[in-house]
C-alpha cells in the first residue's frame, strides 16, 4: 500500500514556473525526491528530471520528466527494477 504520493508538481526553468500536468505524476507513489537529478543539454534545449525510488517493496521505479525549451514534453517510467 502506498504511503506517499505527489499532489502537485511545479518546476522553475529560467525563472518561468512550469506546472507539470497531473497525468505525469498522479500514479507515482512513494517518491524518493532526495534522489532527484536534473540534466540540461543547452545545445538542444532538452532538460531531463530523473527520479529513482529505492523502495522496492512498494514497487520501485525510475522515471524521467522531459522538457524542451522550457515546456513539458512527456515522461518515461521504467518499473523493471533491474
PDB file of N, CA and C in Angstrom:
ATOM      1  N   UNK A   1       0.842  -1.178   0.000  1.00  0.00           N
ATOM      2  CA  UNK A   1       0.000   0.000   0.000  1.00  0.00           C
ATOM      3  C   UNK A   1       0.892   1.248   0.000  1.00  0.00           C
ATOM      4  N   UNK A   2       0.651   2.164  -0.904  1.00  0.00           N
ATOM      5  CA  UNK A   2       1.470   3.386  -0.964  1.00  0.00           C
ATOM      6  C   UNK A   2       1.356   4.212   0.310  1.00  0.00           C
ATOM      7  N   UNK A   3       2.473   4.758   0.725  1.00  0.00           N
ATOM      8  CA  UNK A   3       2.493   5.609   1.910  1.00  0.00           C
ATOM      9  C   UNK A   3       2.457   7.082   1.551  1.00  0.00           C
ATOM     10  N   UNK A   4       3.021   7.436   0.404  1.00  0.00           N
ATOM     11  CA  UNK A   4       3.108   8.831  -0.013  1.00  0.00           C
ATOM     12  C   UNK A   4       2.777   8.942  -1.492  1.00  0.00           C
ATOM     13  N   UNK A   5       2.235  10.107  -1.878  1.00  0.00           N
ATOM     14  CA  UNK A   5       2.025  10.367  -3.291  1.00  0.00           C
ATOM     15  C   UNK A   5       2.169  11.861  -3.538  1.00  0.00           C
ATOM     16  N   UNK A   6       2.499  12.206  -4.752  1.00  0.00           N
ATOM     17  CA  UNK A   6       2.605  13.606  -5.137  1.00  0.00           C
ATOM     18  C   UNK A   6       1.202  14.184  -5.295  1.00  0.00           C
ATOM     19  N   UNK A   7       1.035  15.449  -4.931  1.00  0.00           N
ATOM     20  CA  UNK A   7      -0.272  16.097  -5.097  1.00  0.00           C
ATOM     21  C   UNK A   7      -0.202  17.262  -6.073  1.00  0.00           C
ATOM     22  N   UNK A   8       0.984  17.716  -6.383  1.00  0.00           N
ATOM     23  CA  UNK A   8       1.200  18.717  -7.418  1.00  0.00           C
ATOM     24  C   UNK A   8       2.697  18.777  -7.682  1.00  0.00           C
ATOM     25  N   UNK A   9       3.036  19.330  -8.835  1.00  0.00           N
ATOM     26  CA  UNK A   9       4.450  19.408  -9.175  1.00  0.00           C
ATOM     27  C   UNK A   9       4.675  20.603 -10.084  1.00  0.00           C
ATOM     28  N   UNK A  10       5.618  21.449  -9.672  1.00  0.00           N
ATOM     29  CA  UNK A  10       5.966  22.644 -10.443  1.00  0.00           C
ATOM     30  C   UNK A  10       7.473  22.797 -10.417  1.00  0.00           C
ATOM     31  N   UNK A  11       8.032  23.138 -11.556  1.00  0.00           N
ATOM     32  CA  UNK A  11       9.464  23.418 -11.638  1.00  0.00           C
ATOM     33  C   UNK A  11       9.635  24.839 -12.154  1.00  0.00           C
ATOM     34  N   UNK A  12      10.776  25.404 -11.872  1.00  0.00           N
ATOM     35  CA  UNK A  12      11.113  26.730 -12.385  1.00  0.00           C
ATOM     36  C   UNK A  12      12.276  26.573 -13.349  1.00  0.00           C
ATOM     37  N   UNK A  13      12.047  26.998 -14.592  1.00  0.00           N
ATOM     38  CA  UNK A  13      13.059  26.889 -15.641  1.00  0.00           C
ATOM     39  C   UNK A  13      13.341  28.294 -16.151  1.00  0.00           C
ATOM     40  N   UNK A  14      14.563  28.740 -15.972  1.00  0.00           N
ATOM     41  CA  UNK A  14      14.977  30.086 -16.401  1.00  0.00           C
ATOM     42  C   UNK A  14      14.026  31.156 -15.873  1.00  0.00           C
ATOM     43  N   UNK A  15      13.614  31.009 -14.625  1.00  0.00           N
ATOM     44  CA  UNK A  15      12.739  31.989 -13.982  1.00  0.00           C
ATOM     45  C   UNK A  15      11.264  31.832 -14.286  1.00  0.00           C
ATOM     46  N   UNK A  16      10.893  30.907 -15.160  1.00  0.00           N
ATOM     47  CA  UNK A  16       9.489  30.678 -15.508  1.00  0.00           C
ATOM     48  C   UNK A  16       8.957  29.445 -14.792  1.00  0.00           C
ATOM     49  N   UNK A  17       7.804  29.589 -14.128  1.00  0.00           N
ATOM     50  CA  UNK A  17       7.195  28.458 -13.440  1.00  0.00           C
ATOM     51  C   UNK A  17       6.463  27.588 -14.461  1.00  0.00           C
ATOM     52  N   UNK A  18       6.748  26.287 -14.396  1.00  0.00           N
ATOM     53  CA  UNK A  18       6.139  25.321 -15.309  1.00  0.00           C
ATOM     54  C   UNK A  18       5.428  24.270 -14.469  1.00  0.00           C
ATOM     55  N   UNK A  19       4.101  24.233 -14.571  1.00  0.00           N
ATOM     56  CA  UNK A  19       3.337  23.203 -13.880  1.00  0.00           C
ATOM     57  C   UNK A  19       3.400  21.925 -14.702  1.00  0.00           C
ATOM     58  N   UNK A  20       3.723  20.826 -14.056  1.00  0.00           N
ATOM     59  CA  UNK A  20       3.745  19.529 -14.722  1.00  0.00           C
ATOM     60  C   UNK A  20       2.342  18.953 -14.583  1.00  0.00           C
ATOM     61  N   UNK A  21       1.708  18.536 -15.685  1.00  0.00           N
ATOM     62  CA  UNK A  21       0.324  18.077 -15.621  1.00  0.00           C
ATOM     63  C   UNK A  21       0.152  16.844 -14.734  1.00  0.00           C
ATOM     64  N   UNK A  22      -1.017  16.732 -14.134  1.00  0.00           N
ATOM     65  CA  UNK A  22      -1.305  15.626 -13.223  1.00  0.00           C
ATOM     66  C   UNK A  22      -1.077  14.267 -13.872  1.00  0.00           C
ATOM     67  N   UNK A  23      -1.332  14.143 -15.158  1.00  0.00           N
ATOM     68  CA  UNK A  23      -1.128  12.857 -15.833  1.00  0.00           C
ATOM     69  C   UNK A  23       0.327  12.405 -15.803  1.00  0.00           C
ATOM     70  N   UNK A  24       1.237  13.316 -15.507  1.00  0.00           N
ATOM     71  CA  UNK A  24       2.670  12.993 -15.472  1.00  0.00           C
ATOM     72  C   UNK A  24       3.137  12.538 -14.099  1.00  0.00           C
ATOM     73  N   UNK A  25       2.307  12.680 -13.073  1.00  0.00           N
ATOM     74  CA  UNK A  25       2.760  12.300 -11.730  1.00  0.00           C
ATOM     75  C   UNK A  25       1.693  11.636 -10.877  1.00  0.00           C
ATOM     76  N   UNK A  26       0.417  11.635 -11.286  1.00  0.00           N
ATOM     77  CA  UNK A  26      -0.651  11.205 -10.395  1.00  0.00           C
ATOM     78  C   UNK A  26      -0.582   9.734  -9.995  1.00  0.00           C
ATOM     79  N   UNK A  27       0.071   8.881 -10.762  1.00  0.00           N
ATOM     80  CA  UNK A  27       0.162   7.472 -10.375  1.00  0.00           C
ATOM     81  C   UNK A  27       1.569   7.081  -9.927  1.00  0.00           C
ATOM     82  N   UNK A  28       2.345   8.046  -9.479  1.00  0.00           N
ATOM     83  CA  UNK A  28       3.679   7.777  -8.932  1.00  0.00           C
ATOM     84  C   UNK A  28       3.596   7.855  -7.418  1.00  0.00           C
ATOM     85  N   UNK A  29       3.855   6.741  -6.764  1.00  0.00           N
ATOM     86  CA  UNK A  29       3.713   6.670  -5.321  1.00  0.00           C
ATOM     87  C   UNK A  29       5.061   6.487  -4.646  1.00  0.00           C
ATOM     88  N   UNK A  30       5.121   6.882  -3.393  1.00  0.00           N
ATOM     89  CA  UNK A  30       6.323   6.762  -2.568  1.00  0.00           C
ATOM     90  C   UNK A  30       7.556   7.338  -3.263  1.00  0.00           C
ATOM     91  N   UNK A  31       7.472   8.570  -3.740  1.00  0.00           N
ATOM     92  CA  UNK A  31       8.627   9.160  -4.425  1.00  0.00           C
ATOM     93  C   UNK A  31       9.793   9.376  -3.469  1.00  0.00           C
ATOM     94  N   UNK A  32      10.981   9.237  -3.983  1.00  0.00           N
ATOM     95  CA  UNK A  32      12.199   9.491  -3.217  1.00  0.00           C
ATOM     96  C   UNK A  32      12.830  10.745  -3.812  1.00  0.00           C
ATOM     97  N   UNK A  33      12.328  11.903  -3.425  1.00  0.00           N
ATOM     98  CA  UNK A  33      12.760  13.161  -4.028  1.00  0.00           C
ATOM     99  C   UNK A  33      14.228  13.469  -3.748  1.00  0.00           C
ATOM    100  N   UNK A  34      14.788  12.841  -2.722  1.00  0.00           N
ATOM    101  CA  UNK A  34      16.203  13.058  -2.412  1.00  0.00           C
ATOM    102  C   UNK A  34      17.111  12.544  -3.523  1.00  0.00           C
ATOM    103  N   UNK A  35      16.612  11.652  -4.375  1.00  0.00           N
ATOM    104  CA  UNK A  35      17.424  11.091  -5.458  1.00  0.00           C
ATOM    105  C   UNK A  35      17.220  11.832  -6.774  1.00  0.00           C
ATOM    106  N   UNK A  36      16.436  12.884  -6.762  1.00  0.00           N
ATOM    107  CA  UNK A  36      16.105  13.624  -7.982  1.00  0.00           C
ATOM    108  C   UNK A  36      17.364  14.292  -8.557  1.00  0.00           C
ATOM    109  N   UNK A  37      17.557  14.115  -9.872  1.00  0.00           N
ATOM    110  CA  UNK A  37      18.691  14.728 -10.566  1.00  0.00           C
ATOM    111  C   UNK A  37      18.183  15.453 -11.795  1.00  0.00           C
ATOM    112  N   UNK A  38      18.820  16.555 -12.142  1.00  0.00           N
ATOM    113  CA  UNK A  38      18.433  17.347 -13.308  1.00  0.00           C
ATOM    114  C   UNK A  38      19.597  17.373 -14.286  1.00  0.00           C
ATOM    115  N   UNK A  39      19.277  17.116 -15.554  1.00  0.00           N
ATOM    116  CA  UNK A  39      20.269  17.149 -16.616  1.00  0.00           C
ATOM    117  C   UNK A  39      19.804  18.148 -17.666  1.00  0.00           C
ATOM    118  N   UNK A  40      20.688  19.008 -18.118  1.00  0.00           N
ATOM    119  CA  UNK A  40      20.362  20.012 -19.121  1.00  0.00           C
ATOM    120  C   UNK A  40      21.306  19.878 -20.298  1.00  0.00           C
ATOM    121  N   UNK A  41      20.738  19.827 -21.495  1.00  0.00           N
ATOM    122  CA  UNK A  41      21.534  19.838 -22.716  1.00  0.00           C
ATOM    123  C   UNK A  41      21.256  21.176 -23.395  1.00  0.00           C
ATOM    124  N   UNK A  42      22.092  22.149 -23.111  1.00  0.00           N
ATOM    125  CA  UNK A  42      21.880  23.509 -23.608  1.00  0.00           C
ATOM    126  C   UNK A  42      21.915  23.576 -25.136  1.00  0.00           C
ATOM    127  N   UNK A  43      22.630  22.667 -25.780  1.00  0.00           N
ATOM    128  CA  UNK A  43      22.728  22.719 -27.233  1.00  0.00           C
ATOM    129  C   UNK A  43      21.429  22.308 -27.924  1.00  0.00           C
ATOM    130  N   UNK A  44      20.612  21.476 -27.256  1.00  0.00           N
ATOM    131  CA  UNK A  44      19.353  21.018 -27.862  1.00  0.00           C
ATOM    132  C   UNK A  44      18.121  21.626 -27.200  1.00  0.00           C
ATOM    133  N   UNK A  45      18.298  22.221 -26.013  1.00  0.00           N
ATOM    134  CA  UNK A  45      17.164  22.772 -25.283  1.00  0.00           C
ATOM    135  C   UNK A  45      16.427  21.745 -24.442  1.00  0.00           C
ATOM    136  N   UNK A  46      16.937  20.512 -24.406  1.00  0.00           N
ATOM    137  CA  UNK A  46      16.287  19.481 -23.597  1.00  0.00           C
ATOM    138  C   UNK A  46      16.750  19.540 -22.153  1.00  0.00           C
ATOM    139  N   UNK A  47      15.807  19.319 -21.236  1.00  0.00           N
ATOM    140  CA  UNK A  47      16.100  19.176 -19.819  1.00  0.00           C
ATOM    141  C   UNK A  47      15.394  17.917 -19.343  1.00  0.00           C
ATOM    142  N   UNK A  48      16.091  17.147 -18.523  1.00  0.00           N
ATOM    143  CA  UNK A  48      15.558  15.891 -18.011  1.00  0.00           C
ATOM    144  C   UNK A  48      15.602  15.935 -16.491  1.00  0.00           C
ATOM    145  N   UNK A  49      14.505  15.586 -15.863  1.00  0.00           N
ATOM    146  CA  UNK A  49      14.468  15.440 -14.409  1.00  0.00           C
ATOM    147  C   UNK A  49      14.289  13.964 -14.135  1.00  0.00           C
ATOM    148  N   UNK A  50      15.282  13.358 -13.499  1.00  0.00           N
ATOM    149  CA  UNK A  50      15.318  11.928 -13.236  1.00  0.00           C
ATOM    150  C   UNK A  50      14.995  11.668 -11.770  1.00  0.00           C
ATOM    151  N   UNK A  51      14.076  10.746 -11.533  1.00  0.00           N
ATOM    152  CA  UNK A  51      13.678  10.383 -10.171  1.00  0.00           C
ATOM    153  C   UNK A  51      13.747   8.873 -10.059  1.00  0.00           C
ATOM    154  N   UNK A  52      14.515   8.375  -9.104  1.00  0.00           N
ATOM    155  CA  UNK A  52      14.623   6.947  -8.855  1.00  0.00           C
ATOM    156  C   UNK A  52      14.130   6.672  -7.455  1.00  0.00           C
ATOM    157  N   UNK A  53      13.224   5.734  -7.325  1.00  0.00           N
ATOM    158  CA  UNK A  53      12.789   5.340  -5.997  1.00  0.00           C
ATOM    159  C   UNK A  53      13.442   4.014  -5.652  1.00  0.00           C
ATOM    160  N   UNK A  54      13.919   3.905  -4.440  1.00  0.00           N
ATOM    161  CA  UNK A  54      14.598   2.690  -3.999  1.00  0.00           C
ATOM    162  C   UNK A  54      13.713   1.856  -3.099  1.00  0.00           C
ATOM    163  N   UNK A  55      12.466   2.212  -3.011  1.00  0.00           N
ATOM    164  CA  UNK A  55      11.540   1.474  -2.154  1.00  0.00           C
ATOM    165  C   UNK A  55      10.962   0.303  -2.939  1.00  0.00           C
ATOM    166  N   UNK A  56      11.782  -0.715  -3.123  1.00  0.00           N
ATOM    167  CA  UNK A  56      11.419  -1.855  -3.966  1.00  0.00           C
ATOM    168  C   UNK A  56      10.164  -2.552  -3.451  1.00  0.00           C
ATOM    169  N   UNK A  57      10.028  -2.697  -2.146  1.00  0.00           N
ATOM    170  CA  UNK A  57       8.859  -3.385  -1.586  1.00  0.00           C
ATOM    171  C   UNK A  57       7.562  -2.692  -1.966  1.00  0.00           C
ATOM    172  N   UNK A  58       7.634  -1.397  -2.220  1.00  0.00           N
ATOM    173  CA  UNK A  58       6.434  -0.644  -2.582  1.00  0.00           C
ATOM    174  C   UNK A  58       6.282  -0.537  -4.098  1.00  0.00           C
ATOM    175  N   UNK A  59       7.130  -1.227  -4.845  1.00  0.00           N
ATOM    176  CA  UNK A  59       7.075  -1.140  -6.306  1.00  0.00           C
ATOM    177  C   UNK A  59       7.998  -0.067  -6.811  1.00  0.00           C
ATOM    178  N   UNK A  60       9.295  -0.313  -6.755  1.00  0.00           N
ATOM    179  CA  UNK A  60      10.277   0.683  -7.163  1.00  0.00           C
ATOM    180  C   UNK A  60      10.182   1.016  -8.634  1.00  0.00           C
ATOM    181  N   UNK A  61      10.648   2.188  -8.993  1.00  0.00           N
ATOM    182  CA  UNK A  61      10.625   2.620 -10.381  1.00  0.00           C
ATOM    183  C   UNK A  61      11.672   3.702 -10.590  1.00  0.00           C
ATOM    184  N   UNK A  62      11.982   3.927 -11.850  1.00  0.00           N
ATOM    185  CA  UNK A  62      12.807   5.061 -12.254  1.00  0.00           C
ATOM    186  C   UNK A  62      12.008   5.808 -13.303  1.00  0.00           C
ATOM    187  N   UNK A  63      11.981   7.107 -13.210  1.00  0.00           N
ATOM    188  CA  UNK A  63      11.219   7.880 -14.185  1.00  0.00           C
ATOM    189  C   UNK A  63      11.957   9.149 -14.554  1.00  0.00           C
ATOM    190  N   UNK A  64      11.602   9.653 -15.734  1.00  0.00           N
ATOM    191  CA  UNK A  64      12.201  10.876 -16.247  1.00  0.00           C
ATOM    192  C   UNK A  64      11.084  11.763 -16.795  1.00  0.00           C
ATOM    193  N   UNK A  65      11.079  13.014 -16.352  1.00  0.00           N
ATOM    194  CA  UNK A  65      10.226  14.026 -16.978  1.00  0.00           C
ATOM    195  C   UNK A  65      11.083  14.737 -18.006  1.00  0.00           C
ATOM    196  N   UNK A  66      10.555  14.945 -19.196  1.00  0.00           N
ATOM    197  CA  UNK A  66      11.319  15.530 -20.291  1.00  0.00           C
ATOM    198  C   UNK A  66      10.733  16.890 -20.662  1.00  0.00           C
ATOM    199  N   UNK A  67      11.614  17.876 -20.792  1.00  0.00           N
ATOM    200  CA  UNK A  67      11.230  19.241 -21.169  1.00  0.00           C
ATOM    201  C   UNK A  67      12.039  19.645 -22.399  1.00  0.00           C
ATOM    202  N   UNK A  68      11.456  20.489 -23.216  1.00  0.00           N
ATOM    203  CA  UNK A  68      12.151  21.041 -24.388  1.00  0.00           C
ATOM    204  C   UNK A  68      11.873  22.535 -24.418  1.00  0.00           C
ATOM    205  N   UNK A  69      12.938  23.324 -24.404  1.00  0.00           N
ATOM    206  CA  UNK A  69      12.823  24.795 -24.436  1.00  0.00           C
ATOM    207  C   UNK A  69      11.860  25.327 -23.376  1.00  0.00           C
ATOM    208  N   UNK A  70      11.952  24.766 -22.156  1.00  0.00           N
ATOM    209  CA  UNK A  70      11.163  25.256 -21.038  1.00  0.00           C
ATOM    210  C   UNK A  70       9.731  24.775 -20.979  1.00  0.00           C
ATOM    211  N   UNK A  71       9.355  23.829 -21.828  1.00  0.00           N
ATOM    212  CA  UNK A  71       7.985  23.305 -21.838  1.00  0.00           C
ATOM    213  C   UNK A  71       8.005  21.806 -21.586  1.00  0.00           C
ATOM    214  N   UNK A  72       7.032  21.346 -20.793  1.00  0.00           N
ATOM    215  CA  UNK A  72       6.921  19.917 -20.515  1.00  0.00           C
ATOM    216  C   UNK A  72       6.562  19.172 -21.797  1.00  0.00           C
ATOM    217  N   UNK A  73       7.254  18.037 -22.050  1.00  0.00           N
ATOM    218  CA  UNK A  73       7.011  17.231 -23.244  1.00  0.00           C
ATOM    219  C   UNK A  73       6.318  15.917 -22.882  1.00  0.00           C
ATOM    220  N   UNK A  74       6.956  15.125 -22.014  1.00  0.00           N
ATOM    221  CA  UNK A  74       6.407  13.822 -21.643  1.00  0.00           C
ATOM    222  C   UNK A  74       7.184  13.222 -20.497  1.00  0.00           C
ATOM    223  N   UNK A  75       6.775  12.025 -20.086  1.00  0.00           N
ATOM    224  CA  UNK A  75       7.524  11.297 -19.070  1.00  0.00           C
ATOM    225  C   UNK A  75       7.800   9.891 -19.556  1.00  0.00           C
ATOM    226  N   UNK A  76       8.792   9.279 -18.939  1.00  0.00           N
ATOM    227  CA  UNK A  76       9.129   7.890 -19.200  1.00  0.00           C
ATOM    228  C   UNK A  76       9.269   7.209 -17.847  1.00  0.00           C
ATOM    229  N   UNK A  77       8.622   6.044 -17.670  1.00  0.00           N
ATOM    230  CA  UNK A  77       8.698   5.302 -16.417  1.00  0.00           C
ATOM    231  C   UNK A  77       9.180   3.895 -16.699  1.00  0.00           C
ATOM    232  N   UNK A  78      10.163   3.452 -15.927  1.00  0.00           N
ATOM    233  CA  UNK A  78      10.684   2.092 -16.022  1.00  0.00           C
ATOM    234  C   UNK A  78      10.465   1.411 -14.678  1.00  0.00           C
ATOM    235  N   UNK A  79       9.693   0.343 -14.676  1.00  0.00           N
ATOM    236  CA  UNK A  79       9.415  -0.394 -13.437  1.00  0.00           C
ATOM    237  C   UNK A  79      10.055  -1.774 -13.428  1.00  0.00           C
ATOM    238  N   UNK A  80      11.096  -1.967 -14.231  1.00  0.00           N
ATOM    239  CA  UNK A  80      11.701  -3.294 -14.340  1.00  0.00           C
ATOM    240  C   UNK A  80      12.496  -3.681 -13.111  1.00  0.00           C
ATOM    241  N   UNK A  81      12.946  -2.711 -12.302  1.00  0.00           N
ATOM    242  CA  UNK A  81      13.717  -2.977 -11.081  1.00  0.00           C
ATOM    243  C   UNK A  81      14.981  -3.780 -11.339  1.00  0.00           C
ATOM    244  N   UNK A  82      15.563  -3.664 -12.523  1.00  0.00           N
ATOM    245  CA  UNK A  82      16.807  -4.386 -12.827  1.00  0.00           C
ATOM    246  C   UNK A  82      18.002  -3.628 -12.326  1.00  0.00           C
TER     247      UNK A  82
END
